[in-house]
Amino acid sequence: LRYHPEFPDSAIMKLVGTTKSTIAAIKDRSHWNAAAIKPVDPVSLGLCSQLELDLAVQKAARKSGKGQTTEATPARTLIPAAEVYGTAANLAATAAAAVAAEQATTAQDVKESEKEYDADSVFAKLKTLKQPAEGE
């Protein structure tokens, strides 16, 4: 919570379950155990869940105005196709697609050039192996 100065004391009280006087004493280092207090994540201590902490931080940022986006930085959108055509990324993608298509056609040619089998040639040896077993 020390990295969120916009976090009000009331939100810390609800989240951690302590009093306002304890929070004030810790902040101004007048707490009786101030020398031994080390900053620790309240989630790791089991005082609250990560979801509760995230929601409280977002709410505090929204109230302080820190989390608002400015109009000076517009949201990013996709580039129109007309602007993409002819760029280095487009040329590289087109070349990669051409190489992949060429490899696919050569793989099909290799499969077509392989010997074709018919059922009689495949099972011819099976019939010869089966016949002596019947004669016994």
N, C-alpha and C. Protein backbone atom coordinates (compact mmCIF):
# COMPACT_ATOMS: atom_id res chain seq x y z
N LEU A 1 0.81 -1.19 0.00
CA LEU A 1 0.00 0.00 0.00
C LEU A 1 0.86 1.26 0.00
N ARG A 2 2.13 1.10 0.28
CA ARG A 2 2.98 2.28 0.32
C ARG A 2 3.24 2.83 -1.08
N TYR A 3 3.00 2.04 -2.12
CA TYR A 3 3.20 2.51 -3.49
C TYR A 3 1.94 3.16 -4.05
N HIS A 4 0.92 3.30 -3.24
CA HIS A 4 -0.33 3.90 -3.68
C HIS A 4 -0.69 5.06 -2.75
N PRO A 5 -0.08 6.23 -2.96
CA PRO A 5 -0.38 7.36 -2.07
C PRO A 5 -1.82 7.87 -2.22
N GLU A 6 -2.48 7.53 -3.32
CA GLU A 6 -3.86 7.97 -3.52
C GLU A 6 -4.85 7.16 -2.69
N PHE A 7 -4.36 6.12 -2.05
CA PHE A 7 -5.19 5.22 -1.25
C PHE A 7 -5.58 5.94 0.04
N PRO A 8 -6.86 6.22 0.28
CA PRO A 8 -7.27 6.93 1.51
C PRO A 8 -7.21 6.01 2.73
N ASP A 9 -7.12 6.64 3.90
CA ASP A 9 -7.05 5.88 5.15
C ASP A 9 -8.30 5.03 5.37
N SER A 10 -9.44 5.52 4.94
CA SER A 10 -10.68 4.77 5.13
C SER A 10 -10.66 3.46 4.35
N ALA A 11 -10.07 3.48 3.15
CA ALA A 11 -9.98 2.26 2.36
C ALA A 11 -9.00 1.28 3.00
N ILE A 12 -7.91 1.79 3.56
CA ILE A 12 -6.95 0.92 4.25
C ILE A 12 -7.61 0.29 5.48
N MET A 13 -8.41 1.06 6.18
CA MET A 13 -9.11 0.53 7.36
C MET A 13 -10.03 -0.62 6.98
N LYS A 14 -10.77 -0.46 5.90
CA LYS A 14 -11.68 -1.52 5.46
C LYS A 14 -10.92 -2.74 4.97
N LEU A 15 -9.85 -2.49 4.22
CA LEU A 15 -9.11 -3.58 3.59
C LEU A 15 -8.33 -4.41 4.61
N VAL A 16 -7.62 -3.74 5.50
CA VAL A 16 -6.74 -4.43 6.43
C VAL A 16 -7.43 -4.74 7.75
N GLY A 17 -8.42 -3.95 8.11
CA GLY A 17 -9.14 -4.19 9.35
C GLY A 17 -8.44 -3.60 10.55
N THR A 18 -8.06 -2.34 10.47
CA THR A 18 -7.40 -1.67 11.58
C THR A 18 -8.06 -0.32 11.81
N THR A 19 -7.56 0.42 12.79
CA THR A 19 -8.17 1.71 13.12
C THR A 19 -7.41 2.85 12.46
N LYS A 20 -8.07 4.01 12.41
CA LYS A 20 -7.47 5.19 11.79
C LYS A 20 -6.26 5.67 12.60
N SER A 21 -6.33 5.57 13.92
CA SER A 21 -5.20 6.02 14.75
C SER A 21 -3.97 5.14 14.53
N THR A 22 -4.17 3.84 14.31
CA THR A 22 -3.03 2.95 14.04
C THR A 22 -2.39 3.30 12.70
N ILE A 23 -3.20 3.56 11.71
CA ILE A 23 -2.67 3.93 10.38
C ILE A 23 -1.89 5.23 10.47
N ALA A 24 -2.43 6.22 11.19
CA ALA A 24 -1.74 7.51 11.34
C ALA A 24 -0.42 7.33 12.09
N ALA A 25 -0.41 6.50 13.12
CA ALA A 25 0.82 6.26 13.88
C ALA A 25 1.88 5.58 13.03
N ILE A 26 1.47 4.66 12.18
CA ILE A 26 2.43 3.98 11.31
C ILE A 26 2.97 4.94 10.27
N LYS A 27 2.12 5.79 9.72
CA LYS A 27 2.56 6.74 8.69
C LYS A 27 3.55 7.76 9.24
N ASP A 28 3.32 8.28 10.44
CA ASP A 28 4.25 9.27 10.99
C ASP A 28 5.33 8.65 11.88
N ARG A 29 5.42 7.33 11.86
CA ARG A 29 6.47 6.56 12.55
C ARG A 29 6.44 6.77 14.08
N SER A 30 5.28 7.03 14.65
CA SER A 30 5.16 7.17 16.10
C SER A 30 4.54 5.92 16.73
N HIS A 31 4.35 4.90 15.95
CA HIS A 31 3.79 3.64 16.46
C HIS A 31 4.79 3.02 17.43
N TRP A 32 4.32 2.33 18.46
CA TRP A 32 5.21 1.76 19.48
C TRP A 32 6.18 0.74 18.90
N ASN A 33 5.83 0.10 17.76
CA ASN A 33 6.68 -0.92 17.16
C ASN A 33 7.18 -0.47 15.79
N ALA A 34 7.36 0.85 15.62
CA ALA A 34 7.71 1.41 14.31
C ALA A 34 9.06 0.89 13.79
N ALA A 35 9.99 0.61 14.67
CA ALA A 35 11.31 0.15 14.23
C ALA A 35 11.24 -1.25 13.62
N ALA A 36 10.32 -2.05 14.07
CA ALA A 36 10.24 -3.43 13.59
C ALA A 36 9.23 -3.62 12.46
N ILE A 37 8.46 -2.59 12.15
CA ILE A 37 7.44 -2.72 11.10
C ILE A 37 8.10 -2.65 9.73
N LYS A 38 7.84 -3.67 8.93
CA LYS A 38 8.36 -3.72 7.56
C LYS A 38 7.17 -3.76 6.61
N PRO A 39 7.28 -3.08 5.47
CA PRO A 39 6.16 -3.13 4.52
C PRO A 39 6.01 -4.52 3.92
N VAL A 40 4.83 -5.09 4.06
CA VAL A 40 4.52 -6.42 3.54
C VAL A 40 3.18 -6.34 2.83
N ASP A 41 3.07 -7.07 1.77
CA ASP A 41 1.84 -7.12 0.99
C ASP A 41 0.71 -7.68 1.85
N PRO A 42 -0.44 -7.00 1.93
CA PRO A 42 -1.53 -7.51 2.77
C PRO A 42 -2.12 -8.83 2.26
N VAL A 43 -1.94 -9.10 0.97
CA VAL A 43 -2.44 -10.38 0.42
C VAL A 43 -1.60 -11.53 0.95
N SER A 44 -0.27 -11.34 1.02
CA SER A 44 0.60 -12.41 1.51
C SER A 44 0.39 -12.66 3.01
N LEU A 45 -0.07 -11.65 3.73
CA LEU A 45 -0.38 -11.83 5.15
C LEU A 45 -1.75 -12.44 5.37
N GLY A 46 -2.56 -12.49 4.33
CA GLY A 46 -3.90 -13.05 4.44
C GLY A 46 -4.92 -12.07 4.97
N LEU A 47 -4.61 -10.79 4.95
CA LEU A 47 -5.55 -9.78 5.44
C LEU A 47 -6.66 -9.49 4.45
N CYS A 48 -6.38 -9.70 3.16
CA CYS A 48 -7.39 -9.49 2.12
C CYS A 48 -7.00 -10.33 0.91
N SER A 49 -7.89 -10.44 -0.04
CA SER A 49 -7.58 -11.19 -1.26
C SER A 49 -7.00 -10.24 -2.30
N GLN A 50 -6.36 -10.80 -3.32
CA GLN A 50 -5.77 -9.98 -4.37
C GLN A 50 -6.86 -9.22 -5.13
N LEU A 51 -7.98 -9.86 -5.32
CA LEU A 51 -9.09 -9.22 -6.01
C LEU A 51 -9.60 -8.00 -5.23
N GLU A 52 -9.74 -8.15 -3.93
CA GLU A 52 -10.17 -7.02 -3.10
C GLU A 52 -9.17 -5.88 -3.16
N LEU A 53 -7.88 -6.20 -3.12
CA LEU A 53 -6.84 -5.18 -3.18
C LEU A 53 -6.87 -4.46 -4.52
N ASP A 54 -6.98 -5.21 -5.62
CA ASP A 54 -7.02 -4.61 -6.94
C ASP A 54 -8.23 -3.69 -7.11
N LEU A 55 -9.37 -4.14 -6.64
CA LEU A 55 -10.58 -3.32 -6.74
C LEU A 55 -10.45 -2.04 -5.92
N ALA A 56 -9.87 -2.13 -4.74
CA ALA A 56 -9.70 -0.95 -3.89
C ALA A 56 -8.72 0.04 -4.52
N VAL A 57 -7.64 -0.47 -5.11
CA VAL A 57 -6.67 0.41 -5.77
C VAL A 57 -7.29 1.09 -6.98
N GLN A 58 -8.07 0.35 -7.77
CA GLN A 58 -8.73 0.95 -8.93
C GLN A 58 -9.73 2.02 -8.50
N LYS A 59 -10.46 1.75 -7.44
CA LYS A 59 -11.44 2.71 -6.95
C LYS A 59 -10.75 3.98 -6.46
N ALA A 60 -9.63 3.82 -5.74
CA ALA A 60 -8.89 4.98 -5.25
C ALA A 60 -8.29 5.78 -6.40
N ALA A 61 -7.79 5.09 -7.42
CA ALA A 61 -7.24 5.79 -8.58
C ALA A 61 -8.33 6.53 -9.34
N ARG A 62 -9.48 5.93 -9.43
CA ARG A 62 -10.60 6.56 -10.13
C ARG A 62 -11.05 7.82 -9.38
N LYS A 63 -11.10 7.75 -8.05
CA LYS A 63 -11.52 8.90 -7.26
C LYS A 63 -10.50 10.03 -7.32
N SER A 64 -9.22 9.70 -7.35
CA SER A 64 -8.20 10.74 -7.38
C SER A 64 -7.99 11.29 -8.78
N GLY A 65 -8.51 10.61 -9.80
CA GLY A 65 -8.36 11.08 -11.17
C GLY A 65 -7.07 10.61 -11.81
N LYS A 66 -6.31 9.81 -11.11
CA LYS A 66 -5.03 9.34 -11.63
C LYS A 66 -5.20 8.30 -12.72
N GLY A 67 -6.24 7.51 -12.65
CA GLY A 67 -6.44 6.43 -13.61
C GLY A 67 -7.13 6.84 -14.88
N GLN A 68 -7.48 8.14 -15.02
CA GLN A 68 -8.19 8.58 -16.21
C GLN A 68 -7.23 8.76 -17.37
N THR A 69 -7.69 8.42 -18.55
CA THR A 69 -6.87 8.61 -19.74
C THR A 69 -7.08 10.01 -20.26
N THR A 70 -6.06 10.59 -20.83
CA THR A 70 -6.16 11.94 -21.37
C THR A 70 -6.56 11.88 -22.83
N GLU A 71 -7.10 12.97 -23.31
CA GLU A 71 -7.51 13.04 -24.71
C GLU A 71 -6.31 13.23 -25.63
N ALA A 72 -5.16 13.62 -25.09
CA ALA A 72 -3.98 13.87 -25.91
C ALA A 72 -3.43 12.57 -26.49
N THR A 73 -3.62 11.45 -25.81
CA THR A 73 -3.14 10.17 -26.32
C THR A 73 -4.33 9.34 -26.76
N PRO A 74 -4.63 9.34 -28.05
CA PRO A 74 -5.79 8.57 -28.51
C PRO A 74 -5.51 7.08 -28.43
N ALA A 75 -6.57 6.32 -28.35
CA ALA A 75 -6.45 4.87 -28.29
C ALA A 75 -5.90 4.34 -29.61
N ARG A 76 -5.10 3.29 -29.53
CA ARG A 76 -4.51 2.71 -30.74
C ARG A 76 -5.55 1.89 -31.47
N THR A 77 -5.52 1.98 -32.79
CA THR A 77 -6.44 1.21 -33.62
C THR A 77 -5.65 0.47 -34.68
N LEU A 78 -6.32 -0.35 -35.44
CA LEU A 78 -5.67 -1.07 -36.52
C LEU A 78 -5.34 -0.13 -37.66
N ILE A 79 -4.26 -0.42 -38.36
CA ILE A 79 -3.86 0.37 -39.51
C ILE A 79 -4.69 -0.08 -40.71
N PRO A 80 -5.19 0.86 -41.51
CA PRO A 80 -5.94 0.47 -42.70
C PRO A 80 -5.09 -0.36 -43.66
N ALA A 81 -5.74 -1.23 -44.41
CA ALA A 81 -5.02 -2.13 -45.31
C ALA A 81 -4.26 -1.36 -46.38
N ALA A 82 -4.76 -0.21 -46.81
CA ALA A 82 -4.08 0.58 -47.83
C ALA A 82 -2.72 1.07 -47.34
N GLU A 83 -2.61 1.36 -46.04
CA GLU A 83 -1.33 1.82 -45.49
C GLU A 83 -0.37 0.67 -45.26
N VAL A 84 -0.88 -0.52 -45.05
CA VAL A 84 -0.03 -1.67 -44.76
C VAL A 84 0.63 -2.19 -46.03
N TYR A 85 -0.07 -2.11 -47.15
CA TYR A 85 0.42 -2.67 -48.40
C TYR A 85 1.72 -1.98 -48.80
N GLY A 86 2.76 -2.77 -49.06
CA GLY A 86 4.04 -2.25 -49.50
C GLY A 86 5.03 -2.02 -48.37
N THR A 87 4.64 -2.19 -47.14
CA THR A 87 5.57 -2.00 -46.03
C THR A 87 6.49 -3.22 -45.93
N ALA A 88 7.55 -3.09 -45.16
CA ALA A 88 8.51 -4.18 -45.01
C ALA A 88 7.86 -5.40 -44.37
N ALA A 89 6.99 -5.19 -43.42
CA ALA A 89 6.32 -6.31 -42.76
C ALA A 89 5.40 -7.04 -43.74
N ASN A 90 4.72 -6.28 -44.59
CA ASN A 90 3.83 -6.89 -45.57
C ASN A 90 4.63 -7.69 -46.58
N LEU A 91 5.76 -7.14 -47.05
CA LEU A 91 6.59 -7.85 -48.02
C LEU A 91 7.17 -9.13 -47.41
N ALA A 92 7.59 -9.07 -46.16
CA ALA A 92 8.13 -10.26 -45.50
C ALA A 92 7.05 -11.33 -45.33
N ALA A 93 5.84 -10.91 -44.96
CA ALA A 93 4.75 -11.87 -44.79
C ALA A 93 4.36 -12.50 -46.12
N THR A 94 4.36 -11.71 -47.18
CA THR A 94 4.03 -12.23 -48.51
C THR A 94 5.08 -13.23 -48.96
N ALA A 95 6.36 -12.93 -48.72
CA ALA A 95 7.43 -13.85 -49.10
C ALA A 95 7.34 -15.14 -48.30
N ALA A 96 7.04 -15.04 -47.02
CA ALA A 96 6.91 -16.24 -46.19
C ALA A 96 5.74 -17.09 -46.64
N ALA A 97 4.65 -16.46 -47.04
CA ALA A 97 3.49 -17.21 -47.54
C ALA A 97 3.81 -17.91 -48.85
N ALA A 98 4.60 -17.26 -49.71
CA ALA A 98 4.98 -17.88 -50.97
C ALA A 98 5.88 -19.09 -50.74
N VAL A 99 6.81 -18.99 -49.80
CA VAL A 99 7.70 -20.11 -49.48
C VAL A 99 6.89 -21.28 -48.91
N ALA A 100 5.94 -20.98 -48.05
CA ALA A 100 5.12 -22.04 -47.46
C ALA A 100 4.27 -22.72 -48.52
N ALA A 101 3.74 -21.95 -49.46
CA ALA A 101 2.93 -22.53 -50.53
C ALA A 101 3.79 -23.41 -51.43
N GLU A 102 5.01 -22.99 -51.70
CA GLU A 102 5.92 -23.78 -52.54
C GLU A 102 6.28 -25.09 -51.85
N GLN A 103 6.54 -25.04 -50.55
CA GLN A 103 6.86 -26.27 -49.82
C GLN A 103 5.67 -27.21 -49.79
N ALA A 104 4.48 -26.68 -49.71
CA ALA A 104 3.28 -27.52 -49.70
C ALA A 104 3.10 -28.22 -51.04
N THR A 105 3.36 -27.52 -52.14
CA THR A 105 3.21 -28.15 -53.46
C THR A 105 4.28 -29.20 -53.69
N THR A 106 5.51 -28.98 -53.21
CA THR A 106 6.55 -30.00 -53.38
C THR A 106 6.24 -31.22 -52.53
N ALA A 107 5.66 -31.03 -51.36
CA ALA A 107 5.28 -32.17 -50.52
C ALA A 107 4.19 -32.98 -51.20
N GLN A 108 3.26 -32.32 -51.87
CA GLN A 108 2.21 -33.03 -52.59
C GLN A 108 2.79 -33.79 -53.78
N ASP A 109 3.77 -33.21 -54.47
CA ASP A 109 4.41 -33.88 -55.60
C ASP A 109 5.12 -35.15 -55.14
N VAL A 110 5.78 -35.09 -53.97
CA VAL A 110 6.49 -36.26 -53.44
C VAL A 110 5.49 -37.36 -53.11
N LYS A 111 4.35 -37.01 -52.54
CA LYS A 111 3.34 -38.01 -52.20
C LYS A 111 2.77 -38.66 -53.46
N GLU A 112 2.58 -37.87 -54.52
CA GLU A 112 2.03 -38.40 -55.76
C GLU A 112 3.02 -39.31 -56.47
N SER A 113 4.32 -39.03 -56.31
CA SER A 113 5.32 -39.83 -57.01
C SER A 113 5.61 -41.15 -56.29
N GLU A 114 5.15 -41.32 -55.07
CA GLU A 114 5.35 -42.57 -54.36
C GLU A 114 4.57 -43.69 -55.04
N LYS A 115 5.04 -44.92 -54.84
CA LYS A 115 4.40 -46.08 -55.45
C LYS A 115 3.01 -46.27 -54.86
N GLU A 116 2.07 -46.54 -55.74
CA GLU A 116 0.70 -46.76 -55.29
C GLU A 116 0.50 -48.25 -55.04
N TYR A 117 -0.18 -48.57 -53.98
CA TYR A 117 -0.41 -49.95 -53.58
C TYR A 117 -1.87 -50.30 -53.81
N ASP A 118 -2.10 -51.56 -54.16
CA ASP A 118 -3.47 -52.04 -54.22
C ASP A 118 -3.65 -53.11 -53.15
N ALA A 119 -4.87 -53.48 -52.89
CA ALA A 119 -5.17 -54.39 -51.79
C ALA A 119 -4.55 -55.77 -52.00
N ASP A 120 -4.51 -56.27 -53.25
CA ASP A 120 -3.96 -57.61 -53.51
C ASP A 120 -2.47 -57.66 -53.21
N SER A 121 -1.72 -56.62 -53.59
CA SER A 121 -0.28 -56.65 -53.35
C SER A 121 0.04 -56.51 -51.86
N VAL A 122 -0.77 -55.79 -51.13
CA VAL A 122 -0.53 -55.60 -49.70
C VAL A 122 -0.79 -56.88 -48.92
N PHE A 123 -1.88 -57.59 -49.25
CA PHE A 123 -2.27 -58.77 -48.49
C PHE A 123 -1.76 -60.09 -49.09
N ALA A 124 -0.92 -60.05 -50.13
CA ALA A 124 -0.42 -61.27 -50.77
C ALA A 124 0.43 -62.08 -49.80
N LYS A 125 1.32 -61.44 -49.04
CA LYS A 125 2.17 -62.16 -48.10
C LYS A 125 1.36 -62.69 -46.92
N LEU A 126 0.32 -62.01 -46.56
CA LEU A 126 -0.52 -62.44 -45.45
C LEU A 126 -1.20 -63.77 -45.75
N LYS A 127 -1.62 -63.95 -47.01
CA LYS A 127 -2.28 -65.20 -47.40
C LYS A 127 -1.30 -66.37 -47.33
N THR A 128 -0.04 -66.17 -47.73
CA THR A 128 0.94 -67.25 -47.69
C THR A 128 1.31 -67.62 -46.25
N LEU A 129 1.32 -66.68 -45.36
CA LEU A 129 1.64 -66.97 -43.96
C LEU A 129 0.49 -67.69 -43.27
N LYS A 130 -0.72 -67.45 -43.70
CA LYS A 130 -1.88 -68.03 -43.06
C LYS A 130 -2.13 -69.47 -43.50
N GLN A 131 -1.75 -69.86 -44.71
CA GLN A 131 -2.02 -71.19 -45.24
C GLN A 131 -1.34 -72.32 -44.48
N PRO A 132 -0.05 -72.26 -44.11
CA PRO A 132 0.55 -73.37 -43.37
C PRO A 132 -0.09 -73.57 -42.00
N ALA A 133 -0.60 -72.55 -41.41
CA ALA A 133 -1.24 -72.69 -40.10
C ALA A 133 -2.51 -73.51 -40.21
N GLU A 134 -3.20 -73.46 -41.35
CA GLU A 134 -4.43 -74.23 -41.53
C GLU A 134 -4.14 -75.71 -41.77
N GLY A 135 -2.99 -76.05 -42.38
CA GLY A 135 -2.63 -77.43 -42.70
C GLY A 135 -2.24 -78.24 -41.49
N GLU A 136 -1.90 -77.71 -40.43
CA GLU A 136 -1.45 -78.44 -39.25
C GLU A 136 -2.52 -79.05 -38.50
